[in-house]
């Protein structure tokens, strides 16, 4: 399992071959505050890397959720839709947003590893 991070504060975990799980980072949820709503993409929809795939709204602000890699949405986290606070309480676990079938697994190589992301987030 490899977890990578984007400059837009999404994480992507490649769990098996061509499938990955996507969510927002601890830094993102800290900056947003209490998450009150998530707009998740439709299963079956295809996005290019960098496209807006969803929205997360908090008591402070709303923020777009960008696709860290190109691919097709294969599953969304219905538990998160029912309880958006999971994005705060478990952003790297139960608070995941969606799963994607990767169009190009090599796109993962261009994303940040945990150490690089932590340095990036400290400066953000």
N, C-alpha and C. Protein backbone atom coordinates (compact mmCIF):
# COMPACT_ATOMS: atom_id res chain seq x y z
N UNK A 1 0.83 -1.19 0.00
CA UNK A 1 0.00 0.00 0.00
C UNK A 1 0.87 1.24 0.00
N UNK A 2 0.53 2.14 -0.88
CA UNK A 2 1.27 3.38 -0.99
C UNK A 2 0.30 4.55 -0.84
N UNK A 3 0.61 5.47 0.07
CA UNK A 3 -0.21 6.66 0.23
C UNK A 3 0.59 7.84 -0.32
N UNK A 4 -0.06 8.60 -1.20
CA UNK A 4 0.54 9.79 -1.79
C UNK A 4 -0.36 10.98 -1.50
N UNK A 5 0.18 12.18 -1.67
CA UNK A 5 -0.54 13.40 -1.31
C UNK A 5 -0.42 14.43 -2.42
N UNK A 6 -1.44 15.31 -2.52
CA UNK A 6 -1.44 16.37 -3.53
C UNK A 6 -1.22 17.73 -2.87
N UNK A 7 -0.91 18.71 -3.69
CA UNK A 7 -0.77 20.08 -3.20
C UNK A 7 -2.12 20.67 -2.81
N UNK A 8 -3.20 20.02 -3.23
CA UNK A 8 -4.55 20.47 -2.89
C UNK A 8 -5.07 19.77 -1.64
N UNK A 9 -4.21 19.02 -0.96
CA UNK A 9 -4.50 18.38 0.32
C UNK A 9 -5.46 17.19 0.23
N UNK A 10 -5.34 16.45 -0.88
CA UNK A 10 -6.01 15.16 -0.97
C UNK A 10 -4.95 14.08 -0.76
N UNK A 11 -5.41 12.93 -0.27
CA UNK A 11 -4.53 11.76 -0.21
C UNK A 11 -5.11 10.70 -1.13
N UNK A 12 -4.24 9.85 -1.63
CA UNK A 12 -4.66 8.74 -2.48
C UNK A 12 -3.84 7.53 -2.07
N UNK A 13 -4.55 6.45 -1.79
CA UNK A 13 -3.89 5.21 -1.37
C UNK A 13 -4.16 4.15 -2.42
N UNK A 14 -3.08 3.70 -3.04
CA UNK A 14 -3.16 2.64 -4.02
C UNK A 14 -3.14 1.31 -3.27
N UNK A 15 -4.27 0.62 -3.29
CA UNK A 15 -4.39 -0.59 -2.49
C UNK A 15 -4.15 -1.86 -3.28
N UNK A 16 -4.55 -1.85 -4.54
CA UNK A 16 -4.33 -3.04 -5.36
C UNK A 16 -4.31 -2.66 -6.82
N UNK A 17 -3.24 -2.99 -7.48
CA UNK A 17 -3.12 -2.80 -8.92
C UNK A 17 -3.64 -1.49 -9.46
N UNK A 18 -4.89 -1.49 -9.92
CA UNK A 18 -5.42 -0.32 -10.61
C UNK A 18 -6.51 0.40 -9.82
N UNK A 19 -6.63 0.14 -8.52
CA UNK A 19 -7.65 0.77 -7.71
C UNK A 19 -7.01 1.59 -6.59
N UNK A 20 -7.61 2.76 -6.30
CA UNK A 20 -7.09 3.61 -5.23
C UNK A 20 -8.25 4.25 -4.48
N UNK A 21 -7.99 4.60 -3.22
CA UNK A 21 -8.95 5.28 -2.36
C UNK A 21 -8.49 6.72 -2.18
N UNK A 22 -9.44 7.66 -2.17
CA UNK A 22 -9.12 9.09 -2.11
C UNK A 22 -9.87 9.74 -0.95
N UNK A 23 -9.21 10.69 -0.28
CA UNK A 23 -9.84 11.46 0.79
C UNK A 23 -9.10 12.77 0.98
N UNK A 24 -9.49 13.52 2.00
CA UNK A 24 -8.79 14.76 2.31
C UNK A 24 -7.84 14.50 3.48
N UNK A 25 -6.81 15.30 3.55
CA UNK A 25 -5.77 15.11 4.56
C UNK A 25 -6.17 15.68 5.92
N UNK A 26 -5.40 15.31 6.93
CA UNK A 26 -5.60 15.87 8.27
C UNK A 26 -5.44 17.38 8.21
N UNK A 27 -4.45 17.86 7.46
CA UNK A 27 -4.24 19.30 7.33
C UNK A 27 -5.48 19.97 6.75
N UNK A 28 -6.08 19.38 5.73
CA UNK A 28 -7.26 19.95 5.09
C UNK A 28 -8.43 20.03 6.06
N UNK A 29 -8.67 18.95 6.78
CA UNK A 29 -9.82 18.97 7.70
C UNK A 29 -9.57 19.92 8.86
N UNK A 30 -8.31 20.05 9.30
CA UNK A 30 -7.98 21.03 10.34
C UNK A 30 -8.29 22.45 9.86
N UNK A 31 -7.91 22.75 8.62
CA UNK A 31 -8.13 24.08 8.07
C UNK A 31 -9.62 24.37 7.87
N UNK A 32 -10.38 23.35 7.49
CA UNK A 32 -11.80 23.53 7.23
C UNK A 32 -12.61 23.67 8.52
N UNK A 33 -12.23 22.97 9.55
CA UNK A 33 -13.04 22.93 10.76
C UNK A 33 -14.10 21.83 10.63
N UNK A 34 -15.18 21.96 11.36
CA UNK A 34 -16.20 20.92 11.40
C UNK A 34 -16.89 20.76 10.05
N UNK A 35 -16.70 19.58 9.43
CA UNK A 35 -17.31 19.29 8.14
C UNK A 35 -18.79 18.97 8.36
N UNK A 36 -19.65 19.64 7.57
CA UNK A 36 -21.10 19.48 7.73
C UNK A 36 -21.78 18.88 6.49
N UNK A 37 -21.06 18.83 5.35
CA UNK A 37 -21.66 18.31 4.12
C UNK A 37 -20.56 17.89 3.16
N UNK A 38 -20.79 16.81 2.44
CA UNK A 38 -19.89 16.40 1.36
C UNK A 38 -20.72 16.11 0.12
N UNK A 39 -20.24 16.56 -1.01
CA UNK A 39 -20.85 16.27 -2.30
C UNK A 39 -19.89 15.31 -3.00
N UNK A 40 -20.31 14.07 -3.13
CA UNK A 40 -19.46 13.03 -3.70
C UNK A 40 -19.80 12.81 -5.17
N UNK A 41 -18.84 12.36 -5.97
CA UNK A 41 -19.09 12.15 -7.39
C UNK A 41 -19.98 10.93 -7.63
N UNK A 42 -20.50 10.83 -8.84
CA UNK A 42 -21.32 9.69 -9.22
C UNK A 42 -20.44 8.50 -9.57
N UNK A 43 -20.85 7.32 -9.11
CA UNK A 43 -20.16 6.10 -9.49
C UNK A 43 -20.29 5.94 -11.00
N UNK A 44 -19.18 5.58 -11.65
CA UNK A 44 -19.16 5.41 -13.10
C UNK A 44 -18.66 6.62 -13.85
N UNK A 45 -18.61 7.77 -13.18
CA UNK A 45 -18.13 8.99 -13.84
C UNK A 45 -16.60 8.97 -13.91
N UNK A 46 -16.08 9.46 -15.01
CA UNK A 46 -14.63 9.51 -15.22
C UNK A 46 -14.14 10.95 -15.11
N UNK A 47 -13.00 11.11 -14.43
CA UNK A 47 -12.40 12.42 -14.24
C UNK A 47 -10.94 12.37 -14.67
N UNK A 48 -10.46 13.52 -15.15
CA UNK A 48 -9.04 13.68 -15.43
C UNK A 48 -8.36 14.17 -14.16
N UNK A 49 -7.07 13.89 -14.05
CA UNK A 49 -6.30 14.38 -12.90
C UNK A 49 -6.46 15.89 -12.80
N UNK A 50 -6.74 16.38 -11.59
CA UNK A 50 -6.87 17.81 -11.35
C UNK A 50 -8.28 18.35 -11.47
N UNK A 51 -9.21 17.57 -12.03
CA UNK A 51 -10.60 18.03 -12.14
C UNK A 51 -11.28 17.99 -10.78
N UNK A 52 -12.27 18.84 -10.61
CA UNK A 52 -13.06 18.85 -9.38
C UNK A 52 -13.98 17.62 -9.40
N UNK A 53 -13.87 16.80 -8.36
CA UNK A 53 -14.67 15.58 -8.27
C UNK A 53 -15.72 15.64 -7.17
N UNK A 54 -15.61 16.64 -6.30
CA UNK A 54 -16.57 16.77 -5.21
C UNK A 54 -16.35 18.06 -4.45
N UNK A 55 -17.15 18.23 -3.41
CA UNK A 55 -17.06 19.43 -2.58
C UNK A 55 -17.21 19.01 -1.13
N UNK A 56 -16.45 19.67 -0.28
CA UNK A 56 -16.60 19.46 1.16
C UNK A 56 -16.92 20.82 1.78
N UNK A 57 -17.97 20.85 2.59
CA UNK A 57 -18.38 22.10 3.23
C UNK A 57 -18.25 21.96 4.74
N UNK A 58 -17.78 23.04 5.35
CA UNK A 58 -17.63 23.06 6.80
C UNK A 58 -18.34 24.30 7.35
N UNK A 59 -18.27 24.44 8.66
CA UNK A 59 -18.85 25.63 9.26
C UNK A 59 -18.09 26.88 8.86
N UNK A 60 -16.84 26.73 8.40
CA UNK A 60 -16.01 27.87 8.02
C UNK A 60 -16.04 28.18 6.53
N UNK A 61 -16.04 27.12 5.69
CA UNK A 61 -15.83 27.34 4.26
C UNK A 61 -16.27 26.12 3.46
N UNK A 62 -16.24 26.28 2.15
CA UNK A 62 -16.43 25.16 1.23
C UNK A 62 -15.16 25.03 0.41
N UNK A 63 -14.82 23.80 0.07
CA UNK A 63 -13.61 23.56 -0.71
C UNK A 63 -13.87 22.46 -1.72
N UNK A 64 -13.26 22.61 -2.89
CA UNK A 64 -13.35 21.57 -3.91
C UNK A 64 -12.46 20.40 -3.54
N UNK A 65 -12.87 19.23 -3.95
CA UNK A 65 -12.05 18.02 -3.83
C UNK A 65 -11.61 17.68 -5.25
N UNK A 66 -10.31 17.70 -5.47
CA UNK A 66 -9.76 17.48 -6.80
C UNK A 66 -9.33 16.03 -6.98
N UNK A 67 -9.41 15.55 -8.22
CA UNK A 67 -8.95 14.20 -8.52
C UNK A 67 -7.42 14.17 -8.49
N UNK A 68 -6.84 13.37 -7.61
CA UNK A 68 -5.38 13.29 -7.57
C UNK A 68 -4.80 12.51 -8.75
N UNK A 69 -5.62 11.66 -9.34
CA UNK A 69 -5.22 10.84 -10.49
C UNK A 69 -6.42 10.69 -11.42
N UNK A 70 -6.16 10.43 -12.67
CA UNK A 70 -7.25 10.22 -13.63
C UNK A 70 -7.85 8.84 -13.42
N UNK A 71 -9.18 8.76 -13.61
CA UNK A 71 -9.81 7.46 -13.51
C UNK A 71 -11.31 7.52 -13.37
N UNK A 72 -11.90 6.34 -13.19
CA UNK A 72 -13.34 6.18 -13.08
C UNK A 72 -13.72 5.90 -11.63
N UNK A 73 -14.73 6.60 -11.15
CA UNK A 73 -15.22 6.41 -9.78
C UNK A 73 -15.91 5.04 -9.70
N UNK A 74 -15.44 4.20 -8.79
CA UNK A 74 -16.02 2.85 -8.65
C UNK A 74 -16.87 2.71 -7.39
N UNK A 75 -16.67 3.60 -6.43
CA UNK A 75 -17.42 3.53 -5.18
C UNK A 75 -17.31 4.87 -4.46
N UNK A 76 -18.38 5.24 -3.76
CA UNK A 76 -18.33 6.42 -2.90
C UNK A 76 -18.64 5.98 -1.48
N UNK A 77 -18.19 6.77 -0.53
CA UNK A 77 -18.36 6.43 0.89
C UNK A 77 -19.71 6.95 1.36
N UNK A 78 -20.71 6.08 1.31
CA UNK A 78 -22.06 6.47 1.73
C UNK A 78 -22.11 6.81 3.23
N UNK A 79 -21.24 6.19 4.02
CA UNK A 79 -21.19 6.50 5.45
C UNK A 79 -20.77 7.95 5.66
N UNK A 80 -19.88 8.45 4.81
CA UNK A 80 -19.44 9.84 4.89
C UNK A 80 -20.57 10.79 4.51
N UNK A 81 -21.34 10.40 3.50
CA UNK A 81 -22.49 11.22 3.10
C UNK A 81 -23.48 11.33 4.26
N UNK A 82 -23.69 10.21 4.97
CA UNK A 82 -24.63 10.19 6.09
C UNK A 82 -24.07 10.90 7.32
N UNK A 83 -22.74 10.83 7.50
CA UNK A 83 -22.09 11.43 8.67
C UNK A 83 -20.82 12.15 8.23
N UNK A 84 -20.95 13.38 7.71
CA UNK A 84 -19.79 14.12 7.19
C UNK A 84 -18.69 14.34 8.22
N UNK A 85 -19.01 14.25 9.51
CA UNK A 85 -17.99 14.47 10.54
C UNK A 85 -16.90 13.40 10.50
N UNK A 86 -17.13 12.30 9.79
CA UNK A 86 -16.07 11.29 9.63
C UNK A 86 -14.84 11.89 8.95
N UNK A 87 -15.05 12.92 8.14
CA UNK A 87 -13.91 13.59 7.49
C UNK A 87 -13.03 14.26 8.52
N UNK A 88 -13.59 14.61 9.68
CA UNK A 88 -12.81 15.21 10.77
C UNK A 88 -12.25 14.15 11.70
N UNK A 89 -13.06 13.20 12.08
CA UNK A 89 -12.65 12.23 13.10
C UNK A 89 -11.71 11.16 12.56
N UNK A 90 -11.82 10.83 11.28
CA UNK A 90 -10.98 9.77 10.70
C UNK A 90 -10.69 10.06 9.23
N UNK A 91 -10.02 11.20 8.94
CA UNK A 91 -9.83 11.58 7.54
C UNK A 91 -9.01 10.59 6.71
N UNK A 92 -8.14 9.83 7.35
CA UNK A 92 -7.31 8.88 6.60
C UNK A 92 -7.82 7.44 6.72
N UNK A 93 -9.02 7.28 7.27
CA UNK A 93 -9.58 5.93 7.44
C UNK A 93 -11.05 5.94 7.04
N UNK A 94 -11.96 5.93 8.02
CA UNK A 94 -13.40 5.85 7.75
C UNK A 94 -13.93 7.06 7.00
N UNK A 95 -13.17 8.17 6.99
CA UNK A 95 -13.60 9.39 6.31
C UNK A 95 -13.17 9.50 4.86
N UNK A 96 -12.80 8.38 4.23
CA UNK A 96 -12.42 8.41 2.82
C UNK A 96 -13.61 8.89 1.97
N UNK A 97 -13.33 9.44 0.79
CA UNK A 97 -14.38 10.02 -0.05
C UNK A 97 -14.85 9.06 -1.15
N UNK A 98 -13.91 8.55 -1.95
CA UNK A 98 -14.31 7.67 -3.05
C UNK A 98 -13.15 6.77 -3.47
N UNK A 99 -13.51 5.76 -4.26
CA UNK A 99 -12.51 4.86 -4.83
C UNK A 99 -12.53 5.05 -6.34
N UNK A 100 -11.36 4.89 -6.92
CA UNK A 100 -11.20 5.17 -8.34
C UNK A 100 -10.39 4.05 -9.01
N UNK A 101 -10.83 3.69 -10.21
CA UNK A 101 -10.05 2.77 -11.05
C UNK A 101 -9.10 3.65 -11.86
N UNK A 102 -7.82 3.48 -11.63
CA UNK A 102 -6.81 4.35 -12.22
C UNK A 102 -6.72 4.19 -13.74
N UNK A 103 -6.65 5.31 -14.44
CA UNK A 103 -6.40 5.29 -15.88
C UNK A 103 -4.91 5.16 -16.16
N UNK A 104 -4.11 5.75 -15.27
CA UNK A 104 -2.66 5.76 -15.45
C UNK A 104 -1.98 5.73 -14.08
N UNK A 105 -1.61 4.55 -13.63
CA UNK A 105 -1.01 4.38 -12.30
C UNK A 105 0.30 5.17 -12.17
N UNK A 106 0.94 5.49 -13.27
CA UNK A 106 2.19 6.25 -13.21
C UNK A 106 1.97 7.66 -12.67
N UNK A 107 0.73 8.17 -12.71
CA UNK A 107 0.45 9.49 -12.16
C UNK A 107 0.74 9.53 -10.65
N UNK A 108 0.66 8.39 -9.99
CA UNK A 108 0.94 8.34 -8.56
C UNK A 108 2.38 8.74 -8.26
N UNK A 109 3.28 8.41 -9.19
CA UNK A 109 4.70 8.69 -8.98
C UNK A 109 5.00 10.18 -8.85
N UNK A 110 4.16 11.02 -9.45
CA UNK A 110 4.40 12.47 -9.42
C UNK A 110 3.85 13.13 -8.16
N UNK A 111 3.10 12.39 -7.35
CA UNK A 111 2.54 12.95 -6.13
C UNK A 111 3.55 12.88 -4.99
N UNK A 112 3.28 13.61 -3.90
CA UNK A 112 4.20 13.68 -2.78
C UNK A 112 4.07 12.47 -1.85
N UNK A 113 5.20 12.06 -1.29
CA UNK A 113 5.16 11.05 -0.23
C UNK A 113 4.86 11.77 1.08
N UNK A 114 4.68 11.01 2.16
CA UNK A 114 4.26 11.59 3.44
C UNK A 114 5.25 12.63 3.97
N UNK A 115 6.53 12.36 3.88
CA UNK A 115 7.54 13.30 4.39
C UNK A 115 7.51 14.61 3.62
N UNK A 116 7.45 14.52 2.30
CA UNK A 116 7.41 15.71 1.47
C UNK A 116 6.12 16.49 1.72
N UNK A 117 5.00 15.78 1.84
CA UNK A 117 3.73 16.46 2.08
C UNK A 117 3.73 17.16 3.45
N UNK A 118 4.25 16.50 4.47
CA UNK A 118 4.29 17.12 5.79
C UNK A 118 5.04 18.44 5.77
N UNK A 119 6.16 18.49 5.07
CA UNK A 119 6.94 19.73 4.93
C UNK A 119 6.13 20.77 4.17
N UNK A 120 5.47 20.34 3.10
CA UNK A 120 4.63 21.22 2.29
C UNK A 120 3.50 21.81 3.14
N UNK A 121 2.82 20.97 3.92
CA UNK A 121 1.68 21.41 4.72
C UNK A 121 2.10 22.37 5.82
N UNK A 122 3.28 22.18 6.37
CA UNK A 122 3.79 23.09 7.42
C UNK A 122 3.97 24.50 6.87
N UNK A 123 4.35 24.59 5.60
CA UNK A 123 4.61 25.88 4.97
C UNK A 123 3.36 26.50 4.38
N UNK A 124 2.29 25.72 4.27
CA UNK A 124 1.04 26.20 3.63
C UNK A 124 0.31 27.19 4.52
